[in-house]
Protein backbone atom coordinates (compact mmCIF):
# COMPACT_ATOMS: atom_id res chain seq x y z
CA MET A 1 -13.57 54.67 -26.00
CA VAL A 2 -13.69 51.51 -23.88
CA ARG A 3 -16.25 51.29 -21.15
CA ASP A 4 -15.75 49.14 -18.09
CA ARG A 5 -18.94 47.23 -17.54
CA GLY A 6 -17.68 45.41 -14.46
CA MET A 7 -19.38 42.25 -13.22
CA ILE A 8 -22.88 43.40 -14.03
CA GLY A 9 -23.82 42.43 -17.54
CA GLY A 10 -20.21 41.70 -18.52
CA ASP A 11 -19.02 38.87 -20.72
CA ASP A 12 -18.38 35.64 -18.84
CA LYS A 13 -15.46 34.77 -21.05
CA ASN A 14 -13.61 37.96 -20.08
CA ARG A 15 -14.00 37.32 -16.37
CA ILE A 16 -11.04 35.69 -14.61
CA GLU A 17 -11.88 33.46 -11.68
CA ALA A 18 -9.45 32.99 -8.85
CA PHE A 19 -8.28 29.50 -8.00
CA GLY A 20 -10.56 28.01 -5.39
CA SER A 21 -13.42 30.41 -6.03
CA PRO A 22 -16.94 28.99 -5.81
CA GLY A 23 -17.36 29.13 -9.57
CA GLY A 24 -14.18 27.18 -10.24
CA THR A 25 -14.96 23.79 -8.70
CA GLU A 26 -12.56 21.78 -10.84
CA ILE A 27 -8.96 21.64 -9.65
CA PRO A 28 -6.41 21.80 -12.44
CA ARG A 29 -4.63 18.48 -13.06
CA ALA A 30 -1.18 19.96 -12.50
CA THR A 31 -1.93 20.77 -8.85
CA LYS A 32 -2.93 17.21 -7.86
CA ARG A 33 -0.11 15.25 -6.34
CA ARG A 34 0.12 11.58 -7.19
CA ARG A 35 0.39 9.47 -4.06
CA LYS A 36 1.59 5.93 -3.54
CA ASN A 37 -0.96 3.27 -2.86
CA ARG A 38 -0.09 2.30 0.69
CA GLY A 39 -2.61 -0.51 1.08
CA VAL A 40 -2.25 -4.24 0.79
CA PRO A 41 -2.07 -5.23 -2.88
CA PRO A 42 -4.63 -7.67 -4.28
CA PRO A 43 -3.80 -11.38 -3.99
CA ALA A 44 -1.10 -12.63 -6.32
CA ALA A 45 -2.25 -13.68 -9.79
CA PHE A 46 0.21 -16.60 -9.75
CA ASP A 47 0.73 -19.65 -7.57
CA ILE A 48 3.98 -19.39 -5.64
CA ASP A 49 4.18 -23.19 -5.32
CA THR A 50 4.50 -23.60 -9.09
CA LEU A 51 7.45 -21.20 -9.45
CA PRO A 52 11.05 -22.46 -9.39
CA ASP A 53 13.00 -21.74 -6.19
CA SER A 54 15.51 -19.53 -8.00
CA SER A 55 12.87 -17.13 -9.37
CA ASN A 56 12.90 -13.56 -8.15
CA LEU A 57 9.86 -11.58 -7.02
CA THR A 58 9.55 -7.82 -6.82
CA ALA A 59 8.55 -6.13 -3.59
CA LEU A 60 4.98 -5.66 -4.86
CA GLU A 61 4.68 -9.32 -5.88
CA THR A 62 6.10 -10.44 -2.55
CA ALA A 63 3.69 -8.17 -0.68
CA ALA A 64 0.82 -9.71 -2.64
CA VAL A 65 1.94 -13.25 -1.76
CA ILE A 66 2.44 -12.67 1.97
CA ARG A 67 -0.50 -10.21 2.20
CA ARG A 68 1.41 -7.29 3.68
CA THR A 69 1.90 -3.75 2.44
CA PRO A 70 4.97 -2.82 0.39
CA GLY A 71 5.72 -0.30 3.13
CA ALA A 72 5.94 -3.12 5.66
CA LEU A 73 8.50 -4.88 3.47
CA GLU A 74 10.42 -1.60 3.25
CA GLN A 75 10.50 -1.38 7.05
CA TRP A 76 11.61 -5.01 7.31
CA ARG A 77 14.52 -4.37 4.94
CA ARG A 78 15.93 -1.94 7.51
CA ASP A 79 16.43 -4.91 9.86
CA PRO A 80 19.24 -7.12 8.50
CA ASN A 81 18.15 -9.99 10.78
CA HIS A 82 14.56 -10.15 9.54
CA LEU A 83 13.25 -13.61 8.61
CA LEU A 84 12.31 -12.56 5.07
CA LYS A 85 15.55 -12.38 3.09
CA TRP A 86 16.12 -10.16 0.06
CA ARG A 87 18.89 -8.87 -2.16
CA TYR A 88 19.36 -5.77 -4.25
CA VAL A 89 19.71 -6.10 -8.02
CA ASP A 90 20.26 -2.83 -9.92
CA GLY A 91 19.17 -0.94 -6.82
CA ARG A 92 15.82 -2.75 -6.54
CA PRO A 93 15.03 -5.22 -3.78
CA LEU A 94 14.22 -8.71 -5.06
CA TYR A 95 13.02 -11.69 -3.08
CA ARG A 96 13.82 -15.28 -4.06
CA VAL A 97 10.83 -17.60 -4.13
CA ASP A 98 12.52 -20.07 -1.79
CA ALA A 99 13.11 -17.26 0.76
CA VAL A 100 9.44 -16.27 0.60
CA ARG A 101 8.39 -19.91 1.07
CA ASP A 102 10.76 -20.25 4.05
CA TYR A 103 9.36 -17.08 5.59
CA LEU A 104 5.78 -18.31 5.17
CA ALA A 105 6.69 -21.70 6.67
CA LYS A 106 8.41 -20.10 9.69
CA TRP A 107 5.58 -17.61 10.13
CA ASP A 108 3.02 -20.42 10.20
CA LYS A 109 5.01 -22.23 12.90
CA THR A 110 5.43 -19.15 15.06
CA ALA A 111 1.80 -18.05 14.79
CA ARG A 112 0.05 -18.59 18.08
CA THR A 113 -3.37 -20.10 18.35
CA PRO A 114 -5.93 -17.50 19.37
CA GLN A 115 -6.86 -17.51 23.03
CA PRO A 116 -10.53 -17.54 24.08
CA HIS A 117 -11.97 -14.14 24.81
CA ASN A 118 -12.89 -14.67 28.42
CA ALA A 119 -11.36 -13.87 31.75
CA HIS A 120 -10.36 -17.45 32.64
CA GLY A 121 -8.84 -18.69 29.40
CA ASP A 122 -10.09 -22.24 30.03
CA GLY A 123 -13.35 -22.14 28.12
CA ARG A 124 -15.49 -21.02 31.03
CA GLY A 125 -17.44 -17.84 30.58
CA ALA A 126 -16.42 -14.67 32.34
CA ARG A 127 -18.37 -13.66 35.42
CA PRO A 128 -20.72 -10.72 34.94
């Protein structure tokens, strides 16, 4: 005859805990979803000025050089007139080193100098 001892005095190894119960604090690995890293990658480990012009860079390498997120490059690829030029090789976007250099040169020229943070814009302080 088998007696049901219930939760009081029962074996812990026979007890089944529901997912998310207070006793089961660890989430099984299979339920975690791997997400893309959407941040800016660390600076490039190479010097872009030493590479030949005909070299190709991946989207991640290009993002590291120009200090933007890979998602920003993905958005820019939707605009065929964007200053940063790319091409697809085997379905992957690649950026030529000379195109990245041209983009950086044009971006430096178009960058505006920061304006003073006052109401007049001429160096005088703002009135209280």
